[in-house]
Amino acid sequence: MATQQWSDLSTRRKTGMLVAASIHLALAATAWTDLARRPAEQVNGPKALWAVLIAVNFIGPVSYFLFGRKRESSGWGGRR
């Protein structure tokens, strides 16, 4: 597969790439902020490992939010 230069891409593709990159950066920034503020006791596994995994495309931040944080047992957001 031949590589393309940014200038060779259509406006639609450029827009799609910028939207995807923006979403990824927002997810990653939110996940890193949550990880930094959350005590280690409330994280499943080592915080350093999650900090690295969050950098992996969309999979990292989504995985952190689904599996990296321990569930609260009561209060808002907790399961009953």
N, C-alpha and C. Protein backbone atom coordinates (compact mmCIF):
# COMPACT_ATOMS: atom_id res chain seq x y z
N MET A 1 0.84 -1.17 0.00
CA MET A 1 0.00 0.00 0.00
C MET A 1 0.89 1.24 0.00
N ALA A 2 0.66 2.11 -0.92
CA ALA A 2 1.46 3.33 -1.03
C ALA A 2 1.01 4.35 0.02
N THR A 3 1.97 5.06 0.54
CA THR A 3 1.63 6.10 1.51
C THR A 3 1.24 7.38 0.79
N GLN A 4 0.39 8.15 1.42
CA GLN A 4 -0.04 9.41 0.84
C GLN A 4 0.46 10.56 1.70
N GLN A 5 0.69 11.67 1.05
CA GLN A 5 1.05 12.88 1.76
C GLN A 5 -0.23 13.55 2.26
N TRP A 6 -0.11 14.35 3.30
CA TRP A 6 -1.27 15.06 3.83
C TRP A 6 -1.93 15.90 2.75
N SER A 7 -1.12 16.53 1.92
CA SER A 7 -1.65 17.40 0.87
C SER A 7 -2.41 16.61 -0.20
N ASP A 8 -2.17 15.31 -0.31
CA ASP A 8 -2.86 14.48 -1.30
C ASP A 8 -4.24 14.00 -0.82
N LEU A 9 -4.51 14.13 0.46
CA LEU A 9 -5.77 13.64 1.01
C LEU A 9 -6.91 14.60 0.70
N SER A 10 -8.10 14.03 0.57
CA SER A 10 -9.29 14.87 0.34
C SER A 10 -9.64 15.60 1.64
N THR A 11 -10.42 16.63 1.50
CA THR A 11 -10.85 17.40 2.67
C THR A 11 -11.63 16.51 3.63
N ARG A 12 -12.42 15.63 3.10
CA ARG A 12 -13.21 14.71 3.93
C ARG A 12 -12.31 13.80 4.76
N ARG A 13 -11.27 13.27 4.15
CA ARG A 13 -10.35 12.39 4.89
C ARG A 13 -9.56 13.17 5.94
N LYS A 14 -9.13 14.37 5.58
CA LYS A 14 -8.41 15.20 6.55
C LYS A 14 -9.29 15.49 7.76
N THR A 15 -10.55 15.83 7.48
CA THR A 15 -11.49 16.13 8.56
C THR A 15 -11.70 14.90 9.43
N GLY A 16 -11.88 13.75 8.82
CA GLY A 16 -12.07 12.51 9.57
C GLY A 16 -10.88 12.19 10.45
N MET A 17 -9.69 12.38 9.93
CA MET A 17 -8.48 12.11 10.72
C MET A 17 -8.36 13.08 11.89
N LEU A 18 -8.68 14.34 11.65
CA LEU A 18 -8.59 15.33 12.72
C LEU A 18 -9.64 15.08 13.80
N VAL A 19 -10.83 14.68 13.40
CA VAL A 19 -11.87 14.36 14.38
C VAL A 19 -11.46 13.15 15.21
N ALA A 20 -10.97 12.10 14.56
CA ALA A 20 -10.53 10.89 15.28
C ALA A 20 -9.38 11.21 16.24
N ALA A 21 -8.43 12.01 15.79
CA ALA A 21 -7.30 12.38 16.65
C ALA A 21 -7.77 13.21 17.84
N SER A 22 -8.72 14.10 17.61
CA SER A 22 -9.25 14.93 18.70
C SER A 22 -9.97 14.09 19.74
N ILE A 23 -10.76 13.14 19.28
CA ILE A 23 -11.48 12.26 20.21
C ILE A 23 -10.49 11.42 21.01
N HIS A 24 -9.48 10.89 20.34
CA HIS A 24 -8.47 10.09 21.04
C HIS A 24 -7.75 10.92 22.09
N LEU A 25 -7.33 12.12 21.73
CA LEU A 25 -6.62 12.97 22.69
C LEU A 25 -7.50 13.35 23.88
N ALA A 26 -8.76 13.62 23.62
CA ALA A 26 -9.68 13.96 24.72
C ALA A 26 -9.87 12.76 25.65
N LEU A 27 -10.06 11.58 25.08
CA LEU A 27 -10.21 10.37 25.89
C LEU A 27 -8.95 10.10 26.71
N ALA A 28 -7.79 10.20 26.06
CA ALA A 28 -6.53 9.93 26.75
C ALA A 28 -6.28 10.96 27.86
N ALA A 29 -6.51 12.23 27.59
CA ALA A 29 -6.30 13.27 28.60
C ALA A 29 -7.22 13.05 29.80
N THR A 30 -8.47 12.70 29.53
CA THR A 30 -9.42 12.44 30.61
C THR A 30 -8.99 11.22 31.43
N ALA A 31 -8.56 10.18 30.75
CA ALA A 31 -8.13 8.96 31.45
C ALA A 31 -6.88 9.22 32.28
N TRP A 32 -5.90 9.93 31.72
CA TRP A 32 -4.67 10.24 32.47
C TRP A 32 -4.97 11.12 33.68
N THR A 33 -5.88 12.08 33.52
CA THR A 33 -6.25 12.94 34.65
C THR A 33 -6.92 12.12 35.74
N ASP A 34 -7.84 11.26 35.35
CA ASP A 34 -8.52 10.41 36.33
C ASP A 34 -7.52 9.50 37.03
N LEU A 35 -6.62 8.92 36.27
CA LEU A 35 -5.61 8.02 36.84
C LEU A 35 -4.70 8.76 37.82
N ALA A 36 -4.30 9.97 37.48
CA ALA A 36 -3.41 10.74 38.35
C ALA A 36 -4.09 11.12 39.66
N ARG A 37 -5.37 11.39 39.62
CA ARG A 37 -6.10 11.83 40.81
C ARG A 37 -6.65 10.67 41.64
N ARG A 38 -6.70 9.51 41.08
CA ARG A 38 -7.30 8.35 41.76
C ARG A 38 -6.23 7.65 42.60
N PRO A 39 -6.53 7.34 43.87
CA PRO A 39 -5.58 6.60 44.71
C PRO A 39 -5.31 5.21 44.13
N ALA A 40 -4.11 4.71 44.36
CA ALA A 40 -3.71 3.40 43.83
C ALA A 40 -4.64 2.28 44.29
N GLU A 41 -5.25 2.44 45.46
CA GLU A 41 -6.16 1.42 45.98
C GLU A 41 -7.43 1.30 45.14
N GLN A 42 -7.74 2.33 44.37
CA GLN A 42 -8.95 2.32 43.55
C GLN A 42 -8.66 1.98 42.09
N VAL A 43 -7.45 1.49 41.82
CA VAL A 43 -7.06 1.13 40.45
C VAL A 43 -6.76 -0.36 40.40
N ASN A 44 -7.28 -1.04 39.40
CA ASN A 44 -6.98 -2.45 39.19
C ASN A 44 -5.63 -2.56 38.49
N GLY A 45 -4.62 -3.03 39.20
CA GLY A 45 -3.29 -3.16 38.62
C GLY A 45 -2.44 -1.93 38.87
N PRO A 46 -1.20 -1.98 38.39
CA PRO A 46 -0.26 -0.88 38.62
C PRO A 46 -0.65 0.38 37.83
N LYS A 47 -0.58 1.52 38.49
CA LYS A 47 -0.91 2.78 37.83
C LYS A 47 0.05 3.07 36.68
N ALA A 48 1.32 2.71 36.84
CA ALA A 48 2.31 2.96 35.78
C ALA A 48 1.95 2.21 34.50
N LEU A 49 1.48 0.99 34.65
CA LEU A 49 1.08 0.21 33.48
C LEU A 49 -0.12 0.85 32.78
N TRP A 50 -1.10 1.29 33.56
CA TRP A 50 -2.27 1.95 32.96
C TRP A 50 -1.86 3.25 32.27
N ALA A 51 -0.91 3.97 32.84
CA ALA A 51 -0.46 5.22 32.22
C ALA A 51 0.10 4.97 30.82
N VAL A 52 0.81 3.85 30.65
CA VAL A 52 1.35 3.50 29.34
C VAL A 52 0.24 3.00 28.42
N LEU A 53 -0.63 2.15 28.93
CA LEU A 53 -1.70 1.56 28.10
C LEU A 53 -2.69 2.61 27.59
N ILE A 54 -2.88 3.66 28.34
CA ILE A 54 -3.81 4.71 27.92
C ILE A 54 -3.37 5.34 26.60
N ALA A 55 -2.08 5.30 26.31
CA ALA A 55 -1.56 5.89 25.07
C ALA A 55 -1.91 5.08 23.82
N VAL A 56 -2.42 3.86 23.99
CA VAL A 56 -2.72 2.99 22.85
C VAL A 56 -4.07 3.36 22.26
N ASN A 57 -4.04 4.03 21.13
CA ASN A 57 -5.24 4.45 20.39
C ASN A 57 -6.48 4.57 21.26
N PHE A 58 -7.62 4.19 20.73
CA PHE A 58 -8.87 4.28 21.48
C PHE A 58 -8.98 3.16 22.50
N ILE A 59 -8.28 2.08 22.25
CA ILE A 59 -8.39 0.90 23.11
C ILE A 59 -7.90 1.18 24.53
N GLY A 60 -6.82 1.91 24.67
CA GLY A 60 -6.24 2.18 25.98
C GLY A 60 -7.16 2.94 26.92
N PRO A 61 -7.61 4.14 26.54
CA PRO A 61 -8.49 4.89 27.44
C PRO A 61 -9.81 4.17 27.74
N VAL A 62 -10.39 3.56 26.72
CA VAL A 62 -11.66 2.85 26.93
C VAL A 62 -11.44 1.67 27.87
N SER A 63 -10.34 0.94 27.70
CA SER A 63 -10.03 -0.18 28.59
C SER A 63 -9.83 0.30 30.03
N TYR A 64 -9.16 1.43 30.18
CA TYR A 64 -8.96 1.96 31.53
C TYR A 64 -10.31 2.26 32.20
N PHE A 65 -11.19 2.94 31.47
CA PHE A 65 -12.49 3.28 32.06
C PHE A 65 -13.33 2.04 32.35
N LEU A 66 -13.21 1.00 31.53
CA LEU A 66 -14.00 -0.21 31.74
C LEU A 66 -13.39 -1.16 32.77
N PHE A 67 -12.07 -1.32 32.75
CA PHE A 67 -11.42 -2.35 33.55
C PHE A 67 -10.40 -1.83 34.57
N GLY A 68 -9.88 -0.64 34.39
CA GLY A 68 -8.80 -0.14 35.24
C GLY A 68 -9.24 0.43 36.56
N ARG A 69 -10.46 0.90 36.62
CA ARG A 69 -10.96 1.52 37.85
C ARG A 69 -11.80 0.53 38.63
N LYS A 70 -11.58 0.50 39.93
CA LYS A 70 -12.41 -0.37 40.78
C LYS A 70 -13.77 0.27 40.94
N ARG A 71 -14.79 -0.55 40.95
CA ARG A 71 -16.17 -0.09 41.07
C ARG A 71 -16.44 0.36 42.51
N GLU A 72 -17.18 1.44 42.62
CA GLU A 72 -17.61 1.89 43.94
C GLU A 72 -18.77 1.02 44.39
N SER A 73 -18.83 0.72 45.67
CA SER A 73 -19.87 -0.17 46.16
C SER A 73 -21.15 0.56 46.54
N SER A 74 -21.09 1.88 46.70
CA SER A 74 -22.30 2.63 47.05
C SER A 74 -22.17 4.05 46.53
N GLY A 75 -23.27 4.78 46.60
CA GLY A 75 -23.26 6.17 46.15
C GLY A 75 -23.51 6.27 44.67
N TRP A 76 -23.33 7.43 44.14
CA TRP A 76 -23.55 7.68 42.72
C TRP A 76 -22.61 6.84 41.88
N GLY A 77 -23.15 6.21 40.89
CA GLY A 77 -22.34 5.42 39.97
C GLY A 77 -22.06 4.01 40.45
N GLY A 78 -22.42 3.71 41.68
CA GLY A 78 -22.17 2.37 42.20
C GLY A 78 -23.30 1.42 41.85
N ARG A 79 -22.99 0.14 41.84
CA ARG A 79 -24.01 -0.87 41.57
C ARG A 79 -24.67 -1.28 42.87
N ARG A 80 -25.94 -1.57 42.81
CA ARG A 80 -26.68 -1.95 44.02
C ARG A 80 -26.98 -3.42 44.01
